[in-house]
Amino acid sequence: MADRETKIGILLGTRGLVMAAKREGRPANADVMLELAERVDEAGLDSVWVGDSLVSKPRLEPVAAMSAIAARTSHVRIGTAVMLPAIRHAVPLAHALATADVLSHGRIVVGAGVGGAFTPSQAQDWIAAGVDPKTRAGRFTELVQVMKRLWTEDHVTFDGKHFALDDVTLDPKPVQPGGVPVLLATHYRTGSERQALRAARYGDGIIGISDYPDDFAATVAKVNEFAVSEGRDLANFEHVYYMTVHVDDDRAKAKEEAEDFLVSYYGVNHWGDRWGPWGTPDEIVAKMQAFAAAGADHLVVRFAAWDQLAQWERFRADVLPAFRGSIG
């Protein structure tokens, strides 16, 4: 059992709505996404999140989506889980995110990762944007530094391998003191010491997606150790874990629909048993408890389902109260 309140957020289906439109032969429509955002906000949860990709997994552009969500909500933080910022240029991206922070009255948070280029489909995201996939890690590290400086300084000069700025001042600055928080994707099995050190040095926290609870606990410990050695204050350093679930008392039905949705989403099953559960509210509560005990102070929940609103209502009614009761 966690000894602190664990924040809860919901992933909004910016890809799912495009998938559903393709499946049904109609134009994409974001009404369900915005309705879900409103319901989450009204229920008093902590956050809503949107994903990112360019052409490999088509979806809504994340900063535009976050700005629309900001107009329909009042309280929730609005984040990306996760953005691939390095397919963009640092200055216009910093401007777009600062603008979204102003429009949302200081509610934007960016979960960001280097991104993959391990398949021809993944590589196409970078090629289509005119970026060499081999440069993505270096671009990512520089981009985070550039954005943070543009959000907090005037007359920024930066001489990097991938970005060069000469006396650049960006306005408006974000509403949030220190700029928009940036959580760096950090993983145990597919990560590295360099990844953990980058998060500790430049991030405002971490976000994980591919770990088992024990793996995530090890990642949290490693990043925290590096952060302390870098002189970082851990008081406001966030540890976020992104879960994927399907709520249904019929486990076989839950598994069938979850796998149908996710294979449509990714094209192949690459998650094995790391995601889930696909099953009962009690099973989902237990997995949430495990990640909270592993060090997650914020859980992002994605529904592996075509009917996002139905999953939300079941989660709100049967999972959320049980989880909150378990950590109260």
Protein backbone atom coordinates (compact mmCIF):
# COMPACT_ATOMS: atom_id res chain seq x y z
CA MET A 1 0.00 0.00 0.00
CA ALA A 2 1.31 3.43 -0.89
CA ASP A 3 1.91 5.87 1.96
CA ARG A 4 0.81 8.90 -0.05
CA GLU A 5 -2.03 9.91 -2.32
CA THR A 6 -1.47 8.64 -5.84
CA LYS A 7 -2.71 10.91 -8.61
CA ILE A 8 -4.79 9.41 -11.39
CA GLY A 9 -5.04 10.48 -15.03
CA ILE A 10 -6.80 9.12 -18.10
CA LEU A 11 -5.34 8.75 -21.60
CA LEU A 12 -7.64 10.26 -24.23
CA GLY A 13 -7.87 8.34 -27.50
CA THR A 14 -6.44 10.69 -30.11
CA ARG A 15 -5.32 7.64 -32.09
CA GLY A 16 -8.37 5.56 -31.32
CA LEU A 17 -10.70 8.13 -32.82
CA VAL A 18 -8.73 8.05 -36.07
CA MET A 19 -8.72 4.24 -36.05
CA ALA A 20 -12.49 4.15 -35.50
CA ALA A 21 -13.09 6.61 -38.33
CA LYS A 22 -10.98 4.53 -40.70
CA ARG A 23 -12.76 1.36 -39.64
CA GLU A 24 -16.18 2.93 -40.20
CA GLY A 25 -15.29 4.80 -43.40
CA ARG A 26 -16.06 8.29 -42.13
CA PRO A 27 -14.17 11.50 -41.25
CA ALA A 28 -12.49 11.64 -37.85
CA ASN A 29 -14.50 13.26 -35.06
CA ALA A 30 -13.12 14.32 -31.68
CA ASP A 31 -16.42 14.67 -29.81
CA VAL A 32 -15.96 11.49 -27.75
CA MET A 33 -12.43 12.49 -26.78
CA LEU A 34 -13.61 15.90 -25.59
CA GLU A 35 -16.61 14.37 -23.80
CA LEU A 36 -14.30 12.00 -21.94
CA ALA A 37 -12.03 14.90 -20.98
CA GLU A 38 -15.02 16.74 -19.53
CA ARG A 39 -16.18 13.68 -17.57
CA VAL A 40 -12.71 13.12 -16.11
CA ASP A 41 -12.50 16.80 -15.15
CA GLU A 42 -15.94 16.73 -13.52
CA ALA A 43 -15.05 13.55 -11.60
CA GLY A 44 -12.15 15.33 -9.92
CA LEU A 45 -9.29 13.27 -11.35
CA ASP A 46 -5.89 14.83 -11.70
CA SER A 47 -5.04 14.73 -15.40
CA VAL A 48 -5.81 13.78 -18.99
CA TRP A 49 -3.19 12.82 -21.57
CA VAL A 50 -2.78 12.50 -25.33
CA GLY A 51 -0.28 10.53 -27.39
CA ASP A 52 1.90 11.44 -30.34
CA SER A 53 3.14 10.11 -33.66
CA LEU A 54 3.24 11.59 -37.11
CA VAL A 55 2.49 9.09 -39.89
CA SER A 56 3.30 5.66 -38.42
CA LYS A 57 0.30 5.68 -36.04
CA PRO A 58 -1.97 8.50 -37.28
CA ARG A 59 -3.74 10.59 -34.66
CA LEU A 60 -4.54 14.19 -33.71
CA GLU A 61 -1.59 16.57 -33.37
CA PRO A 62 -0.97 16.73 -29.61
CA VAL A 63 -0.51 20.44 -28.88
CA ALA A 64 -3.61 21.38 -30.87
CA ALA A 65 -5.52 18.61 -29.08
CA MET A 66 -4.33 19.82 -25.67
CA SER A 67 -5.46 23.35 -26.46
CA ALA A 68 -8.93 22.10 -27.43
CA ILE A 69 -9.08 20.05 -24.22
CA ALA A 70 -8.07 23.12 -22.21
CA ALA A 71 -11.08 24.98 -23.57
CA ARG A 72 -13.42 22.19 -22.39
CA THR A 73 -11.97 21.58 -18.91
CA SER A 74 -11.18 23.62 -15.82
CA HIS A 75 -9.05 21.64 -13.39
CA VAL A 76 -7.18 18.66 -14.85
CA ARG A 77 -3.58 18.87 -15.92
CA ILE A 78 -3.21 18.17 -19.63
CA GLY A 79 -0.23 16.13 -20.74
CA THR A 80 1.41 14.13 -23.50
CA ALA A 81 2.11 10.42 -23.00
CA VAL A 82 4.35 10.54 -24.74
CA MET A 83 5.42 13.21 -27.20
CA LEU A 84 8.23 12.69 -29.72
CA PRO A 85 9.51 16.27 -29.62
CA ALA A 86 12.66 15.65 -31.65
CA ILE A 87 10.67 15.32 -34.89
CA ARG A 88 9.99 19.05 -34.42
CA HIS A 89 12.17 22.16 -34.16
CA ALA A 90 12.79 23.33 -30.62
CA VAL A 91 11.73 26.98 -31.00
CA PRO A 92 8.26 26.60 -32.59
CA LEU A 93 7.54 23.66 -30.28
CA ALA A 94 8.50 25.70 -27.22
CA HIS A 95 6.24 28.49 -28.53
CA ALA A 96 3.29 26.13 -29.10
CA LEU A 97 3.61 24.56 -25.65
CA ALA A 98 3.95 27.95 -23.95
CA THR A 99 0.83 29.12 -25.78
CA ALA A 100 -1.07 26.02 -24.66
CA ASP A 101 0.06 26.68 -21.09
CA VAL A 102 -1.30 30.22 -21.29
CA LEU A 103 -4.61 29.00 -22.76
CA SER A 104 -4.95 26.36 -20.04
CA HIS A 105 -3.97 28.73 -17.21
CA GLY A 106 -0.86 26.71 -16.42
CA ARG A 107 -2.06 23.09 -16.74
CA ILE A 108 0.26 21.66 -19.42
CA VAL A 109 2.79 18.89 -18.74
CA VAL A 110 4.92 17.14 -21.35
CA GLY A 111 5.80 13.46 -21.15
CA ALA A 112 8.48 13.07 -23.80
CA GLY A 113 10.68 10.35 -25.22
CA VAL A 114 13.39 9.83 -27.80
CA GLY A 115 11.05 7.62 -29.83
CA GLY A 116 11.79 4.52 -31.84
CA ALA A 117 13.00 4.04 -35.38
CA PHE A 118 13.38 0.29 -35.24
CA THR A 119 10.98 -0.54 -38.09
CA PRO A 120 10.43 1.09 -41.49
CA SER A 121 7.08 2.38 -40.23
CA GLN A 122 8.63 4.04 -37.17
CA ALA A 123 11.46 5.50 -39.22
CA GLN A 124 8.92 7.12 -41.53
CA ASP A 125 7.84 9.52 -38.76
CA TRP A 126 11.33 11.00 -38.78
CA ILE A 127 11.91 10.85 -42.53
CA ALA A 128 8.58 12.55 -43.22
CA ALA A 129 9.61 15.39 -40.90
CA GLY A 130 13.01 15.74 -42.58
CA VAL A 131 14.92 14.43 -39.56
CA ASP A 132 17.60 11.76 -39.71
CA PRO A 133 16.38 9.00 -37.32
CA LYS A 134 19.96 8.40 -36.19
CA THR A 135 20.05 11.88 -34.65
CA ARG A 136 16.94 11.52 -32.53
CA ALA A 137 18.63 10.98 -29.12
CA GLY A 138 21.02 13.89 -29.56
CA ARG A 139 18.24 16.16 -30.86
CA PHE A 140 16.03 15.15 -27.95
CA THR A 141 18.62 16.01 -25.30
CA GLU A 142 19.38 19.40 -26.86
CA LEU A 143 15.72 20.19 -27.49
CA VAL A 144 14.77 19.75 -23.83
CA GLN A 145 17.57 22.11 -22.80
CA VAL A 146 16.60 24.70 -25.42
CA MET A 147 12.91 24.70 -24.52
CA LYS A 148 13.58 25.04 -20.81
CA ARG A 149 15.86 28.01 -21.41
CA LEU A 150 13.39 29.70 -23.78
CA TRP A 151 10.65 29.35 -21.15
CA THR A 152 12.71 30.93 -18.37
CA GLU A 153 15.26 33.25 -20.00
CA ASP A 154 15.48 36.08 -22.51
CA HIS A 155 18.22 36.51 -25.12
CA VAL A 156 18.98 32.79 -25.32
CA THR A 157 22.08 31.72 -27.21
CA PHE A 158 22.69 28.00 -27.72
CA ASP A 159 25.37 26.36 -29.81
CA GLY A 160 24.60 22.69 -30.15
CA LYS A 161 25.11 19.98 -32.71
CA HIS A 162 21.44 19.99 -33.71
CA PHE A 163 20.12 23.40 -32.64
CA ALA A 164 21.76 26.82 -32.79
CA LEU A 165 20.15 29.96 -31.36
CA ASP A 166 21.56 33.47 -31.32
CA ASP A 167 19.94 35.97 -28.92
CA VAL A 168 16.42 34.50 -29.10
CA THR A 169 13.66 35.69 -26.76
CA LEU A 170 10.38 33.77 -26.72
CA ASP A 171 7.10 35.28 -25.55
CA PRO A 172 4.69 34.53 -24.08
CA LYS A 173 6.44 32.53 -21.43
CA PRO A 174 4.47 29.65 -19.85
CA VAL A 175 2.26 30.52 -16.91
CA GLN A 176 3.95 27.91 -14.72
CA PRO A 177 7.04 29.15 -12.88
CA GLY A 178 10.03 27.37 -14.34
CA GLY A 179 8.17 26.58 -17.54
CA VAL A 180 6.14 23.58 -18.66
CA PRO A 181 7.22 20.46 -16.70
CA VAL A 182 8.93 17.88 -18.90
CA LEU A 183 8.85 14.21 -17.83
CA LEU A 184 11.37 12.07 -19.67
CA ALA A 185 10.49 8.53 -20.74
CA THR A 186 12.71 6.13 -18.77
CA HIS A 187 12.51 2.35 -18.91
CA TYR A 188 14.21 -0.54 -17.14
CA ARG A 189 14.37 -3.27 -19.79
CA THR A 190 14.75 -1.09 -22.89
CA GLY A 191 16.51 1.84 -21.26
CA SER A 192 20.10 2.63 -20.38
CA GLU A 193 22.25 4.43 -17.85
CA ARG A 194 22.41 7.34 -20.28
CA GLN A 195 18.61 7.51 -20.42
CA ALA A 196 18.31 7.56 -16.63
CA LEU A 197 21.04 10.19 -16.28
CA ARG A 198 19.36 12.39 -18.92
CA ALA A 199 16.10 12.24 -16.99
CA ALA A 200 17.84 13.05 -13.72
CA ARG A 201 19.79 15.94 -15.21
CA TYR A 202 17.21 17.62 -17.45
CA GLY A 203 13.77 16.27 -16.55
CA ASP A 204 11.14 17.36 -14.06
CA GLY A 205 10.33 13.70 -13.57
CA ILE A 206 10.04 10.42 -15.43
CA ILE A 207 7.29 8.53 -17.23
CA GLY A 208 7.37 4.77 -17.77
CA ILE A 209 5.23 2.52 -19.95
CA SER A 210 6.94 -0.81 -20.56
CA ASP A 211 8.01 -2.02 -17.10
CA TYR A 212 6.75 -4.55 -14.59
CA PRO A 213 6.26 -3.04 -11.11
CA ASP A 214 9.62 -4.33 -9.84
CA ASP A 215 11.32 -2.92 -12.92
CA PHE A 216 9.70 0.46 -12.39
CA ALA A 217 10.83 0.48 -8.76
CA ALA A 218 14.40 -0.10 -9.94
CA THR A 219 14.07 2.69 -12.50
CA VAL A 220 12.75 5.11 -9.87
CA ALA A 221 15.63 4.26 -7.54
CA LYS A 222 18.25 4.67 -10.25
CA VAL A 223 16.92 8.02 -11.51
CA ASN A 224 16.51 9.35 -7.98
CA GLU A 225 20.10 8.39 -7.16
CA PHE A 226 21.36 10.18 -10.26
CA ALA A 227 19.16 13.21 -9.53
CA VAL A 228 20.58 13.58 -6.03
CA SER A 229 24.12 13.32 -7.43
CA GLU A 230 23.19 16.10 -9.88
CA GLY A 231 22.05 18.30 -7.01
CA ARG A 232 18.38 18.06 -7.95
CA ASP A 233 15.60 18.57 -5.40
CA LEU A 234 13.37 15.49 -5.42
CA ALA A 235 10.50 17.24 -3.61
CA ASN A 236 8.69 18.02 -6.87
CA PHE A 237 10.29 15.38 -9.09
CA GLU A 238 7.46 13.29 -10.56
CA HIS A 239 7.34 9.53 -11.16
CA VAL A 240 4.56 8.69 -13.60
CA TYR A 241 3.54 5.27 -14.88
CA TYR A 242 1.28 4.76 -17.91
CA MET A 243 -0.94 1.65 -17.68
CA THR A 244 -3.16 -0.02 -20.29
CA VAL A 245 -6.26 -1.89 -19.05
CA HIS A 246 -9.66 -3.22 -20.06
CA VAL A 247 -12.41 -3.48 -17.44
CA ASP A 248 -14.83 -6.42 -17.77
CA ASP A 249 -15.92 -9.24 -15.45
CA ASP A 250 -15.67 -11.60 -18.41
CA ARG A 251 -11.91 -12.03 -18.74
CA ALA A 252 -12.08 -13.80 -22.11
CA LYS A 253 -14.19 -11.02 -23.59
CA ALA A 254 -11.91 -8.37 -22.09
CA LYS A 255 -8.81 -10.01 -23.55
CA GLU A 256 -10.39 -10.42 -26.99
CA GLU A 257 -11.43 -6.77 -27.24
CA ALA A 258 -8.20 -5.42 -25.75
CA GLU A 259 -6.06 -7.39 -28.17
CA ASP A 260 -8.26 -6.45 -31.14
CA PHE A 261 -7.89 -2.78 -30.22
CA LEU A 262 -4.15 -2.92 -29.56
CA VAL A 263 -3.25 -4.96 -32.64
CA SER A 264 -5.23 -2.44 -34.69
CA TYR A 265 -3.29 0.28 -32.88
CA TYR A 266 0.24 -1.12 -33.27
CA GLY A 267 -0.04 -3.75 -35.99
CA VAL A 268 1.63 -6.40 -33.84
CA ASN A 269 1.54 -7.64 -30.25
CA HIS A 270 4.72 -6.26 -28.69
CA TRP A 271 3.48 -5.87 -25.11
CA GLY A 272 3.28 -9.52 -24.02
CA ASP A 273 2.14 -9.66 -20.39
CA ARG A 274 3.58 -6.29 -19.39
CA TRP A 275 0.28 -4.50 -20.09
CA GLY A 276 -3.09 -5.22 -18.62
CA PRO A 277 -4.88 -6.62 -16.82
CA TRP A 278 -7.80 -7.31 -19.10
CA GLY A 279 -10.34 -8.27 -16.48
CA THR A 280 -12.14 -7.45 -13.27
CA PRO A 281 -12.03 -4.22 -11.28
CA ASP A 282 -10.24 -6.03 -8.44
CA GLU A 283 -7.47 -7.16 -10.80
CA ILE A 284 -6.98 -3.64 -12.11
CA VAL A 285 -6.94 -2.17 -8.60
CA ALA A 286 -4.27 -4.70 -7.62
CA LYS A 287 -2.05 -3.71 -10.54
CA MET A 288 -2.52 -0.01 -9.77
CA GLN A 289 -1.57 -0.69 -6.15
CA ALA A 290 1.55 -2.54 -7.31
CA PHE A 291 2.77 0.42 -9.37
CA ALA A 292 1.94 2.88 -6.59
CA ALA A 293 3.97 0.74 -4.17
CA ALA A 294 6.79 0.69 -6.74
CA GLY A 295 7.07 4.46 -6.57
CA ALA A 296 4.53 5.84 -9.04
CA ASP A 297 3.04 9.02 -7.62
CA HIS A 298 0.88 9.48 -10.73
CA LEU A 299 -0.81 6.73 -12.77
CA VAL A 300 -2.04 7.33 -16.31
CA VAL A 301 -4.68 4.80 -17.38
CA ARG A 302 -5.41 3.95 -21.00
CA PHE A 303 -8.44 1.88 -21.96
CA ALA A 304 -7.70 -0.77 -24.59
CA ALA A 305 -11.22 -0.59 -25.98
CA TRP A 306 -13.23 0.81 -28.84
CA ASP A 307 -15.91 2.18 -26.48
CA GLN A 308 -13.90 4.60 -24.38
CA LEU A 309 -16.87 6.17 -22.59
CA ALA A 310 -18.23 2.80 -21.44
CA GLN A 311 -14.80 1.83 -20.10
CA TRP A 312 -14.52 5.16 -18.29
CA GLU A 313 -17.90 4.72 -16.59
CA ARG A 314 -16.99 1.23 -15.40
CA PHE A 315 -13.59 2.49 -14.20
CA ARG A 316 -15.17 5.46 -12.42
CA ALA A 317 -17.80 3.34 -10.71
CA ASP A 318 -15.88 0.19 -9.78
CA VAL A 319 -12.13 0.77 -9.97
CA LEU A 320 -11.53 4.33 -8.82
CA PRO A 321 -13.36 4.14 -5.45
CA ALA A 322 -11.70 0.83 -4.58
CA PHE A 323 -8.24 2.13 -5.44
CA ARG A 324 -8.71 5.38 -3.57
CA GLY A 325 -10.00 3.47 -0.57
CA SER A 326 -6.94 1.24 -0.61
CA ILE A 327 -4.54 4.17 -0.32
CA GLY A 328 -6.64 6.39 1.90
